[in-house]
Protein backbone atom coordinates (compact mmCIF):
# COMPACT_ATOMS: atom_id res chain seq x y z
CA LEU A 1 3.31 10.74 16.66
CA ARG A 2 3.69 7.35 18.32
CA SER A 3 6.90 5.65 19.31
CA PRO A 4 7.26 2.24 17.58
CA MET A 5 9.08 0.96 20.66
CA THR A 6 6.60 2.01 23.37
CA GLY A 7 3.41 2.55 21.37
CA GLY A 8 2.73 5.63 23.50
CA LEU A 9 2.16 9.19 22.40
CA SER A 10 5.27 11.31 22.16
CA ASN A 11 5.34 14.71 23.82
CA PRO A 12 3.20 17.49 22.27
CA ARG A 13 6.21 19.40 20.99
CA SER A 14 7.43 16.43 18.98
CA ALA A 15 4.07 16.34 17.17
CA LEU A 16 5.29 19.43 15.30
CA VAL A 17 8.42 17.67 14.08
CA GLY A 18 8.46 15.43 11.03
CA ARG A 19 10.01 11.97 10.98
CA VAL A 20 12.64 11.10 8.39
CA VAL A 21 12.02 7.54 7.19
CA PRO A 22 14.79 6.00 5.07
CA SER A 23 13.72 3.94 2.07
CA ILE A 24 15.38 0.59 1.49
CA LEU A 25 14.75 1.14 -2.24
CA ASN A 26 17.78 3.46 -2.16
CA GLY A 27 19.94 0.83 -0.50
CA ASP A 28 22.27 -1.88 -1.75
CA PHE A 29 20.03 -4.82 -2.75
CA GLY A 30 23.00 -7.13 -2.30
CA ALA A 31 23.30 -6.24 1.39
CA LEU A 32 19.78 -5.46 2.61
CA SER A 33 20.33 -6.77 6.15
CA LEU A 34 23.43 -4.62 6.53
CA GLU A 35 21.54 -1.59 5.18
CA ALA A 36 18.78 -2.13 7.76
CA ARG A 37 21.33 -2.33 10.58
CA ASN A 38 23.05 0.82 9.28
CA CYS A 39 19.73 2.69 9.32
CA LEU A 40 19.12 1.51 12.86
CA ALA A 41 22.59 2.59 13.96
CA ALA A 42 22.01 6.02 12.39
CA GLY A 43 18.94 6.53 14.58
CA ALA A 44 16.09 5.49 12.27
CA GLU A 45 12.91 4.30 13.98
CA TRP A 46 11.10 3.33 10.76
CA LEU A 47 12.26 1.72 7.52
CA HIS A 48 10.19 2.19 4.36
CA ILE A 49 9.89 -0.76 1.95
CA ASP A 50 8.28 -0.33 -1.49
CA VAL A 51 6.57 -3.51 -2.66
CA CYS A 52 5.91 -2.88 -6.36
CA ASP A 53 5.30 -5.30 -9.22
CA GLY A 54 6.01 -2.97 -12.14
CA GLY A 55 2.31 -2.72 -13.02
CA ALA A 56 0.16 0.21 -14.07
CA GLN A 57 0.44 2.09 -10.76
CA CYS A 58 4.24 1.87 -10.55
CA PRO A 59 5.47 1.05 -14.05
CA GLY A 60 8.97 -0.26 -14.50
CA ALA A 61 9.64 -0.96 -10.81
CA LEU A 62 9.92 -4.58 -9.71
CA THR A 63 11.11 -4.28 -6.13
CA LEU A 64 10.89 -6.37 -2.95
CA GLY A 65 8.51 -8.95 -1.54
CA PRO A 66 7.86 -11.03 1.60
CA GLN A 67 11.14 -12.98 1.44
CA ALA A 68 13.27 -9.82 1.41
CA LEU A 69 11.09 -8.31 4.14
CA GLY A 70 11.65 -11.40 6.27
CA ALA A 71 15.43 -10.90 5.98
CA LEU A 72 15.05 -7.26 7.03
CA ARG A 73 12.94 -8.31 9.99
CA LYS A 74 15.65 -10.71 11.19
CA ALA A 75 18.24 -7.95 10.90
CA ALA A 76 16.11 -5.40 12.76
CA PRO A 77 13.86 -6.76 15.55
CA ARG A 78 10.33 -5.38 15.86
CA ASP A 79 11.08 -3.49 19.09
CA GLN A 80 13.95 -1.62 17.39
CA LEU A 81 12.77 -0.78 13.87
CA LEU A 82 9.27 -0.41 12.45
CA LEU A 83 8.89 -1.82 8.92
CA ASP A 84 6.49 0.32 6.89
CA CYS A 85 5.51 -1.28 3.56
CA HIS A 86 4.00 0.56 0.60
CA VAL A 87 2.08 -2.14 -1.30
CA CYS A 88 1.58 -1.24 -4.97
CA VAL A 89 0.70 -4.45 -6.78
CA GLY A 90 -1.93 -5.63 -9.24
CA SER A 91 -4.89 -3.71 -10.59
CA PRO A 92 -8.67 -4.14 -10.50
CA GLY A 93 -10.33 -6.22 -13.21
CA VAL A 94 -13.64 -5.30 -14.83
CA VAL A 95 -16.99 -7.03 -15.14
CA ALA A 96 -18.40 -8.05 -18.51
CA GLY A 97 -19.65 -5.02 -20.41
CA ALA A 98 -17.26 -2.61 -18.68
CA GLU A 99 -14.39 -2.79 -21.18
CA GLY A 100 -12.80 0.47 -22.16
CA GLN A 101 -13.12 1.88 -18.65
CA GLY A 102 -9.40 1.71 -17.89
CA GLU A 103 -7.68 -0.82 -15.63
CA GLY A 104 -7.93 -4.49 -16.43
CA LYS A 105 -9.40 -4.05 -19.90
CA GLY A 106 -10.48 -7.39 -21.29
CA GLN A 107 -10.20 -9.25 -17.96
CA ARG A 108 -13.03 -11.35 -16.54
CA ARG A 109 -13.70 -12.30 -12.95
CA GLY A 110 -16.09 -14.76 -11.39
CA GLU A 111 -18.39 -13.54 -8.64
CA ASN A 112 -16.26 -15.13 -5.90
CA MET A 113 -12.92 -13.80 -7.09
CA HIS A 114 -11.12 -10.84 -5.53
CA VAL A 115 -10.96 -7.51 -7.34
CA ASN A 116 -7.18 -7.61 -6.88
CA ALA A 117 -5.96 -11.08 -5.89
CA ALA A 118 -2.29 -10.00 -5.98
CA MET A 119 -2.96 -7.42 -3.25
CA TRP A 120 -4.47 -10.05 -0.96
CA GLU A 121 -1.52 -12.37 -1.52
CA GLN A 122 1.03 -9.67 -0.71
CA VAL A 123 -0.86 -8.39 2.36
CA ARG A 124 -0.88 -11.87 3.89
CA GLY A 125 2.70 -12.66 2.88
CA LEU A 126 4.11 -9.37 4.16
CA ALA A 127 2.24 -9.62 7.46
CA ALA A 128 3.59 -13.14 7.98
CA ALA A 129 7.11 -11.93 7.16
CA GLY A 130 7.03 -9.26 9.88
CA ALA A 131 5.58 -6.03 8.45
CA ASP A 132 4.39 -3.49 11.04
CA ARG A 133 2.43 -1.25 8.65
CA LEU A 134 0.92 -1.97 5.25
CA THR A 135 0.12 1.14 3.21
CA LEU A 136 -1.99 0.12 0.23
CA GLN A 137 -1.96 1.99 -3.07
CA LEU A 138 -5.62 2.97 -3.31
CA GLU A 139 -5.73 2.95 -7.11
CA CYS A 140 -4.61 -0.69 -7.18
CA VAL A 141 -8.02 -1.61 -5.72
CA LEU A 142 -10.42 1.18 -6.70
CA GLY A 143 -8.77 2.01 -10.02
CA GLU A 144 -7.73 5.36 -11.43
CA PHE A 145 -9.96 8.10 -10.01
CA GLU A 146 -11.66 9.06 -13.29
CA SER A 147 -12.32 5.43 -14.17
CA PHE A 148 -13.67 4.66 -10.71
CA SER A 149 -15.91 7.75 -10.81
CA ARG A 150 -17.38 6.61 -14.12
CA LEU A 151 -18.24 3.25 -12.62
CA GLN A 152 -20.01 4.87 -9.67
CA GLU A 153 -21.93 7.30 -11.85
CA SER A 154 -22.77 4.89 -14.64
CA SER A 155 -26.38 4.26 -15.64
CA ALA A 156 -25.48 0.58 -16.16
CA GLN A 157 -26.22 -1.55 -13.13
CA ALA A 158 -23.27 -3.89 -13.74
CA GLN A 159 -20.79 -1.03 -13.73
CA ARG A 160 -22.25 0.59 -10.59
CA ALA A 161 -22.08 -2.82 -8.92
CA GLU A 162 -18.41 -3.07 -9.89
CA GLY A 163 -17.72 0.30 -8.23
CA THR A 164 -19.44 -0.91 -5.06
CA ARG A 165 -17.50 -4.17 -5.21
CA ARG A 166 -14.18 -2.32 -5.28
CA VAL A 167 -15.11 -0.22 -2.25
CA GLU A 168 -16.19 -3.34 -0.37
CA GLU A 169 -12.91 -5.04 -1.30
CA LEU A 170 -10.88 -2.17 0.15
CA HIS A 171 -12.88 -2.36 3.39
CA ALA A 172 -12.30 -6.13 3.44
CA LEU A 173 -8.55 -5.65 2.99
CA VAL A 174 -8.54 -3.23 5.94
CA ALA A 175 -10.34 -5.82 8.07
CA GLU A 176 -7.87 -8.51 7.01
CA ILE A 177 -4.88 -6.32 7.87
CA ALA A 178 -6.36 -5.66 11.32
CA ARG A 179 -6.99 -9.40 11.79
CA LEU A 180 -3.33 -10.04 11.00
CA GLY A 181 -2.28 -7.60 13.74
CA VAL A 182 -0.78 -5.01 11.40
CA LYS A 183 -1.59 -1.29 11.06
CA ALA A 184 -3.05 -0.12 7.75
CA GLY A 185 -2.47 2.94 5.60
CA LEU A 186 -3.57 4.29 2.22
CA CYS A 187 -1.45 5.93 -0.47
CA LEU A 188 -2.86 8.18 -3.21
CA ARG A 189 -1.53 9.30 -6.56
CA PRO A 190 -1.19 13.11 -6.89
CA GLU A 191 -4.26 13.41 -9.13
CA THR A 192 -6.58 11.49 -6.77
CA PRO A 193 -8.67 13.84 -4.55
CA VAL A 194 -8.13 13.43 -0.81
CA SER A 195 -11.93 13.25 -0.40
CA VAL A 196 -11.77 9.66 -1.71
CA LEU A 197 -10.32 8.68 1.68
CA ARG A 198 -13.42 9.72 3.64
CA PRO A 199 -15.28 6.36 3.62
CA PHE A 200 -12.16 4.55 4.85
CA LEU A 201 -10.88 6.85 7.59
CA ALA A 202 -12.13 4.70 10.46
CA GLY A 203 -9.99 1.73 9.42
CA PHE A 204 -6.68 3.33 8.47
CA ASN A 205 -3.88 4.58 10.71
CA GLN A 206 -2.08 6.76 8.17
CA ALA A 207 -2.40 8.29 4.72
CA ALA A 208 0.31 9.16 2.22
CA ALA A 209 0.52 10.86 -1.17
CA GLN A 210 2.95 9.98 -3.93
CA GLY A 211 4.98 12.89 -5.22
CA PRO A 212 6.04 13.39 -8.85
CA GLU A 213 9.59 12.36 -7.92
CA GLN A 214 8.33 9.01 -6.59
CA LEU A 215 6.37 8.33 -9.76
CA ALA A 216 9.36 9.22 -11.92
CA LYS A 217 11.55 6.88 -9.88
CA CYS A 218 9.03 4.07 -10.29
CA ALA A 219 9.19 4.56 -14.04
CA GLY A 220 12.97 4.30 -13.89
């Protein structure tokens, strides 16, 4: 474990102890700054912020964005409280001929467009607003695991190319997060195998898994 204040490694014994990270999603949305200060006063070192747009990966939940994060940052300076954002927005489109494969059915993208433009917008906005960590929902870029696997294993060149494009986009997002001076993480749905993380391990600082309770809360 690393201290958000010093950046140094904590003592070996503390590595065996978990960290409780309060989620602002459980707070009073009418007094977010006060909630952040209360968490800080209670001894929190991190504050978790869910950035969800109510889309396929987190249905029903329209939560916070860069403006709210900026208010939290003003209430809790960077050297006192680490802001850890779970970014679950948008979904990958599909190339022509790949309809029926799941996410983004019926969408079209030009060759120079992002797989998930909403994710890029939020990453840049949240970094500018003061995020310390951006944990991306993997399925928002690669797609649901079964759908993504079909793309990779398809005999159709266009669909295999789409699978490759999604992987390249995730790598590009990691590079952009690093360029912005923020640490990166990946979050998986319960049904997504952990082995999917292997190609991305070099670029990410943490990994997380959604639990059934989190998914149920997203759905309201």
